[in-house]
Structures are given as C-alpha cells and as structure tokens.
Amino acid sequence: VRIPGLRRPGSIWPSQQGLGIAKDVWLAGIGVGLLADGVTR
C-alpha cells in the first residue's frame, strides 16, 4: 500500500512491480483463518 509504483495508478490492483508483494495476501488469508479457527469452538 505504501511503496509507490507497486499498484496501478488510482487502483488497488498491482502493477508488474507489485505483483510479488500483492500475492502475499494469501498469507493474510491463512493467518486470519487460523486465528478465527483458534478462537472459535
């Protein structure tokens, strides 16, 4: 979000340079899933 050039201008979608970091969203999804699984019964 903070480094210029990683997203297409005016968009949340990645530029070619930002694709590698944008893919890390899968880590966030797994983390939130584990967290939710761990705090629910």
Full PDB file with SEQRES, HELIX, SHEET, SSBOND, CRYST1, ORIGX, SCALE, CONECT and MASTER records, all heavy atoms in Angstrom:
SEQRES   1 A   41  VAL ARG ILE PRO GLY LEU ARG ARG PRO GLY SER ILE TRP          
SEQRES   2 A   41  PRO SER GLN GLN GLY LEU GLY ILE ALA LYS ASP VAL TRP          
SEQRES   3 A   41  LEU ALA GLY ILE GLY VAL GLY LEU LEU ALA ASP GLY VAL          
SEQRES   4 A   41  THR ARG                                                      
HELIX    1 AA1 LEU A   19  ALA A   22  1                                   4    
HELIX    2 AA2 VAL A   25  VAL A   39  1                                  15    
CRYST1    1.000    1.000    1.000  90.00  90.00  90.00 P 1           1          
ORIGX1      1.000000  0.000000  0.000000        0.00000                         
ORIGX2      0.000000  1.000000  0.000000        0.00000                         
ORIGX3      0.000000  0.000000  1.000000        0.00000                         
SCALE1      1.000000  0.000000  0.000000        0.00000                         
SCALE2      0.000000  1.000000  0.000000        0.00000                         
SCALE3      0.000000  0.000000  1.000000        0.00000                         
ATOM      1  N   VAL A   1       0.821  -1.204   0.000  1.00  0.00           N  
ATOM      2  CA  VAL A   1       0.000   0.000   0.000  1.00  0.00           C  
ATOM      3  C   VAL A   1       0.862   1.266   0.000  1.00  0.00           C  
ATOM      4  O   VAL A   1       0.525   2.247  -0.650  1.00  0.00           O  
ATOM      5  CB  VAL A   1      -0.949  -0.002   1.226  1.00  0.00           C  
ATOM      6  CG1 VAL A   1      -1.643   1.330   1.411  1.00  0.00           C  
ATOM      7  CG2 VAL A   1      -1.964  -1.119   1.100  1.00  0.00           C  
ATOM      8  N   ARG A   2       2.004   1.233   0.687  1.00  0.00           N  
ATOM      9  CA  ARG A   2       2.782   2.450   0.926  1.00  0.00           C  
ATOM     10  C   ARG A   2       3.889   2.729  -0.085  1.00  0.00           C  
ATOM     11  O   ARG A   2       4.339   3.870  -0.195  1.00  0.00           O  
ATOM     12  CB  ARG A   2       3.399   2.380   2.319  1.00  0.00           C  
ATOM     13  CG  ARG A   2       2.376   2.467   3.421  1.00  0.00           C  
ATOM     14  CD  ARG A   2       3.071   2.436   4.780  1.00  0.00           C  
ATOM     15  NE  ARG A   2       2.138   2.752   5.840  1.00  0.00           N  
ATOM     16  CZ  ARG A   2       1.663   1.850   6.682  1.00  0.00           C  
ATOM     17  NH1 ARG A   2       2.052   0.592   6.589  1.00  0.00           N  
ATOM     18  NH2 ARG A   2       0.820   2.207   7.626  1.00  0.00           N  
ATOM     19  N   ILE A   3       4.370   1.725  -0.784  1.00  0.00           N  
ATOM     20  CA  ILE A   3       5.503   1.956  -1.683  1.00  0.00           C  
ATOM     21  C   ILE A   3       4.991   2.355  -3.068  1.00  0.00           C  
ATOM     22  O   ILE A   3       4.241   1.605  -3.696  1.00  0.00           O  
ATOM     23  CB  ILE A   3       6.412   0.714  -1.762  1.00  0.00           C  
ATOM     24  CG1 ILE A   3       7.057   0.472  -0.393  1.00  0.00           C  
ATOM     25  CG2 ILE A   3       7.485   0.884  -2.834  1.00  0.00           C  
ATOM     26  CD1 ILE A   3       7.942  -0.739  -0.325  1.00  0.00           C  
ATOM     27  N   PRO A   4       5.410   3.521  -3.528  1.00  0.00           N  
ATOM     28  CA  PRO A   4       4.972   3.978  -4.850  1.00  0.00           C  
ATOM     29  C   PRO A   4       5.391   3.001  -5.955  1.00  0.00           C  
ATOM     30  O   PRO A   4       6.460   2.399  -5.903  1.00  0.00           O  
ATOM     31  CB  PRO A   4       5.708   5.312  -5.027  1.00  0.00           C  
ATOM     32  CG  PRO A   4       6.075   5.740  -3.643  1.00  0.00           C  
ATOM     33  CD  PRO A   4       6.292   4.479  -2.855  1.00  0.00           C  
ATOM     34  N   GLY A   5       4.506   2.833  -6.908  1.00  0.00           N  
ATOM     35  CA  GLY A   5       4.804   2.017  -8.074  1.00  0.00           C  
ATOM     36  C   GLY A   5       4.400   0.554  -7.955  1.00  0.00           C  
ATOM     37  O   GLY A   5       4.477  -0.186  -8.938  1.00  0.00           O  
ATOM     38  N   LEU A   6       3.978   0.124  -6.778  1.00  0.00           N  
ATOM     39  CA  LEU A   6       3.579  -1.276  -6.635  1.00  0.00           C  
ATOM     40  C   LEU A   6       2.131  -1.523  -7.056  1.00  0.00           C  
ATOM     41  O   LEU A   6       1.741  -2.666  -7.274  1.00  0.00           O  
ATOM     42  CB  LEU A   6       3.789  -1.760  -5.185  1.00  0.00           C  
ATOM     43  CG  LEU A   6       5.234  -1.782  -4.698  1.00  0.00           C  
ATOM     44  CD1 LEU A   6       5.299  -2.344  -3.278  1.00  0.00           C  
ATOM     45  CD2 LEU A   6       6.130  -2.576  -5.631  1.00  0.00           C  
ATOM     46  N   ARG A   7       1.359  -0.433  -7.162  1.00  0.00           N  
ATOM     47  CA  ARG A   7      -0.027  -0.556  -7.612  1.00  0.00           C  
ATOM     48  C   ARG A   7      -0.236   0.273  -8.874  1.00  0.00           C  
ATOM     49  O   ARG A   7       0.475   1.248  -9.112  1.00  0.00           O  
ATOM     50  CB  ARG A   7      -0.987  -0.057  -6.521  1.00  0.00           C  
ATOM     51  CG  ARG A   7      -1.044  -0.966  -5.328  1.00  0.00           C  
ATOM     52  CD  ARG A   7      -1.897  -0.416  -4.190  1.00  0.00           C  
ATOM     53  NE  ARG A   7      -1.193   0.717  -3.558  1.00  0.00           N  
ATOM     54  CZ  ARG A   7      -1.651   1.967  -3.543  1.00  0.00           C  
ATOM     55  NH1 ARG A   7      -2.799   2.277  -4.097  1.00  0.00           N  
ATOM     56  NH2 ARG A   7      -0.960   2.921  -2.973  1.00  0.00           N  
ATOM     57  N   ARG A   8      -1.205  -0.129  -9.651  1.00  0.00           N  
ATOM     58  CA  ARG A   8      -1.575   0.669 -10.823  1.00  0.00           C  
ATOM     59  C   ARG A   8      -2.114   2.006 -10.335  1.00  0.00           C  
ATOM     60  O   ARG A   8      -2.793   2.068  -9.313  1.00  0.00           O  
ATOM     61  CB  ARG A   8      -2.649  -0.049 -11.634  1.00  0.00           C  
ATOM     62  CG  ARG A   8      -2.180  -1.331 -12.268  1.00  0.00           C  
ATOM     63  CD  ARG A   8      -3.292  -1.968 -13.055  1.00  0.00           C  
ATOM     64  NE  ARG A   8      -2.939  -3.326 -13.418  1.00  0.00           N  
ATOM     65  CZ  ARG A   8      -3.806  -4.225 -13.827  1.00  0.00           C  
ATOM     66  NH1 ARG A   8      -5.088  -3.933 -13.944  1.00  0.00           N  
ATOM     67  NH2 ARG A   8      -3.397  -5.437 -14.143  1.00  0.00           N  
ATOM     68  N   PRO A   9      -1.846   3.079 -11.052  1.00  0.00           N  
ATOM     69  CA  PRO A   9      -2.316   4.411 -10.626  1.00  0.00           C  
ATOM     70  C   PRO A   9      -3.829   4.430 -10.378  1.00  0.00           C  
ATOM     71  O   PRO A   9      -4.611   3.957 -11.199  1.00  0.00           O  
ATOM     72  CB  PRO A   9      -1.938   5.318 -11.797  1.00  0.00           C  
ATOM     73  CG  PRO A   9      -0.791   4.611 -12.463  1.00  0.00           C  
ATOM     74  CD  PRO A   9      -1.078   3.142 -12.294  1.00  0.00           C  
ATOM     75  N   GLY A  10      -4.225   4.910  -9.208  1.00  0.00           N  
ATOM     76  CA  GLY A  10      -5.634   5.036  -8.861  1.00  0.00           C  
ATOM     77  C   GLY A  10      -6.345   3.719  -8.621  1.00  0.00           C  
ATOM     78  O   GLY A  10      -7.569   3.668  -8.684  1.00  0.00           O  
ATOM     79  N   SER A  11      -5.615   2.648  -8.338  1.00  0.00           N  
ATOM     80  CA  SER A  11      -6.220   1.321  -8.236  1.00  0.00           C  
ATOM     81  C   SER A  11      -5.610   0.543  -7.062  1.00  0.00           C  
ATOM     82  O   SER A  11      -4.509   0.846  -6.601  1.00  0.00           O  
ATOM     83  CB  SER A  11      -5.947   0.556  -9.540  1.00  0.00           C  
ATOM     84  OG  SER A  11      -6.372  -0.782  -9.440  1.00  0.00           O  
ATOM     85  N   ILE A  12      -6.344  -0.467  -6.619  1.00  0.00           N  
ATOM     86  CA  ILE A  12      -5.785  -1.380  -5.618  1.00  0.00           C  
ATOM     87  C   ILE A  12      -5.026  -2.521  -6.287  1.00  0.00           C  
ATOM     88  O   ILE A  12      -4.310  -3.267  -5.636  1.00  0.00           O  
ATOM     89  CB  ILE A  12      -6.859  -1.966  -4.686  1.00  0.00           C  
ATOM     90  CG1 ILE A  12      -7.847  -2.826  -5.469  1.00  0.00           C  
ATOM     91  CG2 ILE A  12      -7.546  -0.876  -3.905  1.00  0.00           C  
ATOM     92  CD1 ILE A  12      -8.718  -3.717  -4.604  1.00  0.00           C  
ATOM     93  N   TRP A  13      -5.177  -2.664  -7.598  1.00  0.00           N  
ATOM     94  CA  TRP A  13      -4.582  -3.780  -8.324  1.00  0.00           C  
ATOM     95  C   TRP A  13      -3.096  -3.558  -8.541  1.00  0.00           C  
ATOM     96  O   TRP A  13      -2.645  -2.438  -8.743  1.00  0.00           O  
ATOM     97  CB  TRP A  13      -5.309  -4.007  -9.654  1.00  0.00           C  
ATOM     98  CG  TRP A  13      -6.752  -4.313  -9.419  1.00  0.00           C  
ATOM     99  CD1 TRP A  13      -7.822  -3.529  -9.721  1.00  0.00           C  
ATOM    100  CD2 TRP A  13      -7.273  -5.464  -8.763  1.00  0.00           C  
ATOM    101  NE1 TRP A  13      -8.981  -4.124  -9.306  1.00  0.00           N  
ATOM    102  CE2 TRP A  13      -8.677  -5.324  -8.706  1.00  0.00           C  
ATOM    103  CE3 TRP A  13      -6.712  -6.609  -8.201  1.00  0.00           C  
ATOM    104  CZ2 TRP A  13      -9.508  -6.268  -8.132  1.00  0.00           C  
ATOM    105  CZ3 TRP A  13      -7.539  -7.558  -7.631  1.00  0.00           C  
ATOM    106  CH2 TRP A  13      -8.919  -7.377  -7.605  1.00  0.00           C  
ATOM    107  N   PRO A  14      -2.329  -4.632  -8.519  1.00  0.00           N  
ATOM    108  CA  PRO A  14      -0.871  -4.473  -8.597  1.00  0.00           C  
ATOM    109  C   PRO A  14      -0.370  -4.093  -9.979  1.00  0.00           C  
ATOM    110  O   PRO A  14      -0.934  -4.474 -10.994  1.00  0.00           O  
ATOM    111  CB  PRO A  14      -0.345  -5.856  -8.207  1.00  0.00           C  
ATOM    112  CG  PRO A  14      -1.437  -6.798  -8.551  1.00  0.00           C  
ATOM    113  CD  PRO A  14      -2.719  -6.035  -8.334  1.00  0.00           C  
ATOM    114  N   SER A  15       0.729  -3.347  -9.957  1.00  0.00           N  
ATOM    115  CA  SER A  15       1.491  -3.137 -11.172  1.00  0.00           C  
ATOM    116  C   SER A  15       2.360  -4.383 -11.349  1.00  0.00           C  
ATOM    117  O   SER A  15       2.391  -5.272 -10.493  1.00  0.00           O  
ATOM    118  CB  SER A  15       2.384  -1.899 -11.016  1.00  0.00           C  
ATOM    119  OG  SER A  15       3.343  -2.138  -9.991  1.00  0.00           O  
ATOM    120  N   GLN A  16       3.104  -4.447 -12.418  1.00  0.00           N  
ATOM    121  CA  GLN A  16       4.009  -5.586 -12.615  1.00  0.00           C  
ATOM    122  C   GLN A  16       5.015  -5.677 -11.474  1.00  0.00           C  
ATOM    123  O   GLN A  16       5.324  -6.751 -10.992  1.00  0.00           O  
ATOM    124  CB  GLN A  16       4.717  -5.465 -13.969  1.00  0.00           C  
ATOM    125  CG  GLN A  16       5.436  -6.716 -14.391  1.00  0.00           C  
ATOM    126  CD  GLN A  16       4.489  -7.914 -14.581  1.00  0.00           C  
ATOM    127  OE1 GLN A  16       3.379  -7.775 -15.054  1.00  0.00           O  
ATOM    128  NE2 GLN A  16       4.943  -9.089 -14.186  1.00  0.00           N  
ATOM    129  N   GLN A  17       5.502  -4.511 -11.015  1.00  0.00           N  
ATOM    130  CA  GLN A  17       6.475  -4.487  -9.923  1.00  0.00           C  
ATOM    131  C   GLN A  17       5.859  -4.926  -8.593  1.00  0.00           C  
ATOM    132  O   GLN A  17       6.555  -5.427  -7.719  1.00  0.00           O  
ATOM    133  CB  GLN A  17       7.064  -3.071  -9.742  1.00  0.00           C  
ATOM    134  CG  GLN A  17       7.857  -2.570 -10.909  1.00  0.00           C  
ATOM    135  CD  GLN A  17       6.969  -1.962 -12.014  1.00  0.00           C  
ATOM    136  OE1 GLN A  17       5.759  -1.846 -11.886  1.00  0.00           O  
ATOM    137  NE2 GLN A  17       7.602  -1.594 -13.113  1.00  0.00           N  
ATOM    138  N   GLY A  18       4.569  -4.727  -8.421  1.00  0.00           N  
ATOM    139  CA  GLY A  18       3.917  -5.040  -7.153  1.00  0.00           C  
ATOM    140  C   GLY A  18       3.322  -6.432  -7.057  1.00  0.00           C  
ATOM    141  O   GLY A  18       2.852  -6.843  -5.993  1.00  0.00           O  
ATOM    142  N   LEU A  19       3.351  -7.161  -8.147  1.00  0.00           N  
ATOM    143  CA  LEU A  19       2.706  -8.475  -8.170  1.00  0.00           C  
ATOM    144  C   LEU A  19       3.256  -9.420  -7.110  1.00  0.00           C  
ATOM    145  O   LEU A  19       2.502 -10.114  -6.440  1.00  0.00           O  
ATOM    146  CB  LEU A  19       2.838  -9.092  -9.566  1.00  0.00           C  
ATOM    147  CG  LEU A  19       1.956 -10.294  -9.860  1.00  0.00           C  
ATOM    148  CD1 LEU A  19       0.488  -9.951  -9.660  1.00  0.00           C  
ATOM    149  CD2 LEU A  19       2.190 -10.769 -11.281  1.00  0.00           C  
ATOM    150  N   GLY A  20       4.566  -9.443  -6.915  1.00  0.00           N  
ATOM    151  CA  GLY A  20       5.169 -10.342  -5.935  1.00  0.00           C  
ATOM    152  C   GLY A  20       4.698 -10.083  -4.516  1.00  0.00           C  
ATOM    153  O   GLY A  20       4.442 -11.010  -3.757  1.00  0.00           O  
ATOM    154  N   ILE A  21       4.552  -8.816  -4.155  1.00  0.00           N  
ATOM    155  CA  ILE A  21       4.091  -8.486  -2.806  1.00  0.00           C  
ATOM    156  C   ILE A  21       2.578  -8.625  -2.700  1.00  0.00           C  
ATOM    157  O   ILE A  21       2.069  -9.069  -1.671  1.00  0.00           O  
ATOM    158  CB  ILE A  21       4.561  -7.073  -2.409  1.00  0.00           C  
ATOM    159  CG1 ILE A  21       6.078  -7.089  -2.246  1.00  0.00           C  
ATOM    160  CG2 ILE A  21       3.890  -6.604  -1.124  1.00  0.00           C  
ATOM    161  CD1 ILE A  21       6.688  -5.771  -1.888  1.00  0.00           C  
ATOM    162  N   ALA A  22       1.849  -8.288  -3.742  1.00  0.00           N  
ATOM    163  CA  ALA A  22       0.389  -8.420  -3.705  1.00  0.00           C  
ATOM    164  C   ALA A  22      -0.024  -9.868  -3.473  1.00  0.00           C  
ATOM    165  O   ALA A  22      -1.038 -10.133  -2.821  1.00  0.00           O  
ATOM    166  CB  ALA A  22      -0.220  -7.903  -5.004  1.00  0.00           C  
ATOM    167  N   LYS A  23       0.781 -10.795  -3.955  1.00  0.00           N  
ATOM    168  CA  LYS A  23       0.464 -12.210  -3.760  1.00  0.00           C  
ATOM    169  C   LYS A  23       0.510 -12.614  -2.294  1.00  0.00           C  
ATOM    170  O   LYS A  23      -0.026 -13.650  -1.926  1.00  0.00           O  
ATOM    171  CB  LYS A  23       1.420 -13.089  -4.567  1.00  0.00           C  
ATOM    172  CG  LYS A  23       1.195 -13.013  -6.055  1.00  0.00           C  
ATOM    173  CD  LYS A  23       2.204 -13.896  -6.769  1.00  0.00           C  
ATOM    174  CE  LYS A  23       2.027 -13.816  -8.260  1.00  0.00           C  
ATOM    175  NZ  LYS A  23       3.041 -14.600  -8.961  1.00  0.00           N  
ATOM    176  N   ASP A  24       1.137 -11.812  -1.447  1.00  0.00           N  
ATOM    177  CA  ASP A  24       1.217 -12.141  -0.024  1.00  0.00           C  
ATOM    178  C   ASP A  24      -0.131 -12.041   0.684  1.00  0.00           C  
ATOM    179  O   ASP A  24      -0.235 -12.373   1.861  1.00  0.00           O  
ATOM    180  CB  ASP A  24       2.253 -11.258   0.669  1.00  0.00           C  
ATOM    181  CG  ASP A  24       3.666 -11.589   0.216  1.00  0.00           C  
ATOM    182  OD1 ASP A  24       3.913 -12.748  -0.171  1.00  0.00           O  
ATOM    183  OD2 ASP A  24       4.527 -10.698   0.252  1.00  0.00           O  
ATOM    184  N   VAL A  25      -1.140 -11.628  -0.044  1.00  0.00           N  
ATOM    185  CA  VAL A  25      -2.478 -11.600   0.537  1.00  0.00           C  
ATOM    186  C   VAL A  25      -2.907 -13.014   0.961  1.00  0.00           C  
ATOM    187  O   VAL A  25      -3.676 -13.173   1.897  1.00  0.00           O  
ATOM    188  CB  VAL A  25      -3.489 -10.932  -0.434  1.00  0.00           C  
ATOM    189  CG1 VAL A  25      -3.812 -11.835  -1.608  1.00  0.00           C  
ATOM    190  CG2 VAL A  25      -4.751 -10.522   0.291  1.00  0.00           C  
ATOM    191  N   TRP A  26      -2.373 -14.048   0.314  1.00  0.00           N  
ATOM    192  CA  TRP A  26      -2.712 -15.422   0.713  1.00  0.00           C  
ATOM    193  C   TRP A  26      -2.201 -15.711   2.118  1.00  0.00           C  
ATOM    194  O   TRP A  26      -2.837 -16.447   2.880  1.00  0.00           O  
ATOM    195  CB  TRP A  26      -2.199 -16.453  -0.289  1.00  0.00           C  
ATOM    196  CG  TRP A  26      -0.706 -16.622  -0.377  1.00  0.00           C  
ATOM    197  CD1 TRP A  26       0.162 -15.895  -1.144  1.00  0.00           C  
ATOM    198  CD2 TRP A  26       0.095 -17.575   0.325  1.00  0.00           C  
ATOM    199  NE1 TRP A  26       1.448 -16.341  -0.970  1.00  0.00           N  
ATOM    200  CE2 TRP A  26       1.445 -17.371  -0.060  1.00  0.00           C  
ATOM    201  CE3 TRP A  26      -0.185 -18.584   1.234  1.00  0.00           C  
ATOM    202  CZ2 TRP A  26       2.492 -18.130   0.435  1.00  0.00           C  
ATOM    203  CZ3 TRP A  26       0.864 -19.341   1.726  1.00  0.00           C  
ATOM    204  CH2 TRP A  26       2.189 -19.110   1.327  1.00  0.00           C  
ATOM    205  N   LEU A  27      -1.079 -15.119   2.514  1.00  0.00           N  
ATOM    206  CA  LEU A  27      -0.595 -15.298   3.877  1.00  0.00           C  
ATOM    207  C   LEU A  27      -1.575 -14.675   4.875  1.00  0.00           C  
ATOM    208  O   LEU A  27      -1.834 -15.245   5.933  1.00  0.00           O  
ATOM    209  CB  LEU A  27       0.790 -14.678   4.054  1.00  0.00           C  
ATOM    210  CG  LEU A  27       1.949 -15.347   3.332  1.00  0.00           C  
ATOM    211  CD1 LEU A  27       3.216 -14.503   3.456  1.00  0.00           C  
ATOM    212  CD2 LEU A  27       2.182 -16.747   3.862  1.00  0.00           C  
ATOM    213  N   ALA A  28      -2.087 -13.513   4.533  1.00  0.00           N  
ATOM    214  CA  ALA A  28      -3.064 -12.858   5.405  1.00  0.00           C  
ATOM    215  C   ALA A  28      -4.326 -13.718   5.534  1.00  0.00           C  
ATOM    216  O   ALA A  28      -4.862 -13.877   6.630  1.00  0.00           O  
ATOM    217  CB  ALA A  28      -3.414 -11.469   4.877  1.00  0.00           C  
ATOM    218  N   GLY A  29      -4.775 -14.276   4.428  1.00  0.00           N  
ATOM    219  CA  GLY A  29      -5.964 -15.134   4.474  1.00  0.00           C  
ATOM    220  C   GLY A  29      -5.766 -16.358   5.346  1.00  0.00           C  
ATOM    221  O   GLY A  29      -6.640 -16.726   6.140  1.00  0.00           O  
ATOM    222  N   ILE A  30      -4.621 -17.000   5.223  1.00  0.00           N  
ATOM    223  CA  ILE A  30      -4.331 -18.171   6.058  1.00  0.00           C  
ATOM    224  C   ILE A  30      -4.222 -17.745   7.521  1.00  0.00           C  
ATOM    225  O   ILE A  30      -4.758 -18.416   8.420  1.00  0.00           O  
ATOM    226  CB  ILE A  30      -3.045 -18.880   5.595  1.00  0.00           C  
ATOM    227  CG1 ILE A  30      -3.256 -19.513   4.222  1.00  0.00           C  
ATOM    228  CG2 ILE A  30      -2.615 -19.955   6.609  1.00  0.00           C  
ATOM    229  CD1 ILE A  30      -1.979 -20.027   3.570  1.00  0.00           C  
ATOM    230  N   GLY A  31      -3.548 -16.634   7.785  1.00  0.00           N  
ATOM    231  CA  GLY A  31      -3.400 -16.159   9.160  1.00  0.00           C  
ATOM    232  C   GLY A  31      -4.728 -15.859   9.811  1.00  0.00           C  
ATOM    233  O   GLY A  31      -4.989 -16.291  10.942  1.00  0.00           O  
ATOM    234  N   VAL A  32      -5.588 -15.144   9.122  1.00  0.00           N  
ATOM    235  CA  VAL A  32      -6.912 -14.816   9.673  1.00  0.00           C  
ATOM    236  C   VAL A  32      -7.733 -16.092   9.859  1.00  0.00           C  
ATOM    237  O   VAL A  32      -8.433 -16.250  10.869  1.00  0.00           O  
ATOM    238  CB  VAL A  32      -7.641 -13.792   8.779  1.00  0.00           C  
ATOM    239  CG1 VAL A  32      -9.097 -13.625   9.189  1.00  0.00           C  
ATOM    240  CG2 VAL A  32      -6.919 -12.452   8.825  1.00  0.00           C  
ATOM    241  N   GLY A  33      -7.627 -17.032   8.924  1.00  0.00           N  
ATOM    242  CA  GLY A  33      -8.337 -18.302   9.061  1.00  0.00           C  
ATOM    243  C   GLY A  33      -7.889 -19.078  10.277  1.00  0.00           C  
ATOM    244  O   GLY A  33      -8.712 -19.626  11.030  1.00  0.00           O  
ATOM    245  N   LEU A  34      -6.581 -19.161  10.503  1.00  0.00           N  
ATOM    246  CA  LEU A  34      -6.065 -19.855  11.682  1.00  0.00           C  
ATOM    247  C   LEU A  34      -6.461 -19.157  12.965  1.00  0.00           C  
ATOM    248  O   LEU A  34      -6.843 -19.793  13.952  1.00  0.00           O  
ATOM    249  CB  LEU A  34      -4.539 -19.969  11.606  1.00  0.00           C  
ATOM    250  CG  LEU A  34      -3.974 -20.954  10.606  1.00  0.00           C  
ATOM    251  CD1 LEU A  34      -2.471 -20.783  10.475  1.00  0.00           C  
ATOM    252  CD2 LEU A  34      -4.323 -22.387  10.996  1.00  0.00           C  
ATOM    253  N   LEU A  35      -6.393 -17.845  12.943  1.00  0.00           N  
ATOM    254  CA  LEU A  35      -6.784 -17.067  14.114  1.00  0.00           C  
ATOM    255  C   LEU A  35      -8.252 -17.304  14.444  1.00  0.00           C  
ATOM    256  O   LEU A  35      -8.613 -17.566  15.597  1.00  0.00           O  
ATOM    257  CB  LEU A  35      -6.503 -15.592  13.856  1.00  0.00           C  
ATOM    258  CG  LEU A  35      -6.679 -14.609  14.999  1.00  0.00           C  
ATOM    259  CD1 LEU A  35      -5.840 -14.994  16.203  1.00  0.00           C  
ATOM    260  CD2 LEU A  35      -6.306 -13.211  14.533  1.00  0.00           C  
ATOM    261  N   ALA A  36      -9.104 -17.235  13.428  1.00  0.00           N  
ATOM    262  CA  ALA A  36     -10.532 -17.474  13.649  1.00  0.00           C  
ATOM    263  C   ALA A  36     -10.788 -18.895  14.130  1.00  0.00           C  
ATOM    264  O   ALA A  36     -11.600 -19.124  15.044  1.00  0.00           O  
ATOM    265  CB  ALA A  36     -11.308 -17.201  12.354  1.00  0.00           C  
ATOM    266  N   ASP A  37     -10.093 -19.854  13.535  1.00  0.00           N  
ATOM    267  CA  ASP A  37     -10.280 -21.252  13.954  1.00  0.00           C  
ATOM    268  C   ASP A  37      -9.821 -21.434  15.395  1.00  0.00           C  
ATOM    269  O   ASP A  37     -10.419 -22.208  16.142  1.00  0.00           O  
ATOM    270  CB  ASP A  37      -9.490 -22.178  13.013  1.00  0.00           C  
ATOM    271  CG  ASP A  37      -9.952 -23.623  13.111  1.00  0.00           C  
ATOM    272  OD1 ASP A  37     -11.170 -23.857  13.193  1.00  0.00           O  
ATOM    273  OD2 ASP A  37      -9.096 -24.513  13.122  1.00  0.00           O  
ATOM    274  N   GLY A  38      -8.769 -20.734  15.765  1.00  0.00           N  
ATOM    275  CA  GLY A  38      -8.232 -20.892  17.105  1.00  0.00           C  
ATOM    276  C   GLY A  38      -9.061 -20.268  18.191  1.00  0.00           C  
ATOM    277  O   GLY A  38      -9.014 -20.698  19.350  1.00  0.00           O  
ATOM    278  N   VAL A  39      -9.827 -19.240  17.868  1.00  0.00           N  
ATOM    279  CA  VAL A  39     -10.617 -18.563  18.898  1.00  0.00           C  
ATOM    280  C   VAL A  39     -12.085 -19.000  18.921  1.00  0.00           C  
ATOM    281  O   VAL A  39     -12.823 -18.567  19.786  1.00  0.00           O  
ATOM    282  CB  VAL A  39     -10.518 -17.017  18.789  1.00  0.00           C  
ATOM    283  CG1 VAL A  39      -9.091 -16.566  18.981  1.00  0.00           C  
ATOM    284  CG2 VAL A  39     -11.104 -16.513  17.491  1.00  0.00           C  
ATOM    285  N   THR A  40     -12.479 -19.811  17.975  1.00  0.00           N  
ATOM    286  CA  THR A  40     -13.855 -20.325  17.977  1.00  0.00           C  
ATOM    287  C   THR A  40     -13.850 -21.797  18.347  1.00  0.00           C  
ATOM    288  O   THR A  40     -12.862 -22.501  18.174  1.00  0.00           O  
ATOM    289  CB  THR A  40     -14.528 -20.150  16.606  1.00  0.00           C  
ATOM    290  OG1 THR A  40     -13.759 -20.836  15.605  1.00  0.00           O  
ATOM    291  CG2 THR A  40     -14.640 -18.678  16.230  1.00  0.00           C  
ATOM    292  N   ARG A  41     -14.950 -22.266  18.805  1.00  0.00           N  
ATOM    293  CA  ARG A  41     -15.091 -23.674  19.169  1.00  0.00           C  
ATOM    294  C   ARG A  41     -15.988 -24.357  18.145  1.00  0.00           C  
ATOM    295  O   ARG A  41     -16.924 -23.779  17.641  1.00  0.00           O  
ATOM    296  CB  ARG A  41     -15.680 -23.839  20.554  1.00  0.00           C  
ATOM    297  CG  ARG A  41     -14.819 -23.204  21.633  1.00  0.00           C  
ATOM    298  CD  ARG A  41     -15.175 -23.799  22.967  1.00  0.00           C  
ATOM    299  NE  ARG A  41     -14.448 -23.134  24.029  1.00  0.00           N  
ATOM    300  CZ  ARG A  41     -13.283 -23.558  24.487  1.00  0.00           C  
ATOM    301  NH1 ARG A  41     -12.727 -24.622  24.001  1.00  0.00           N  
ATOM    302  NH2 ARG A  41     -12.684 -22.909  25.456  1.00  0.00           N  
TER     303      ARG A  41                                                      
MASTER        0    0    0    2    0    0    0    6  302    1    0    4          
END                                                                             
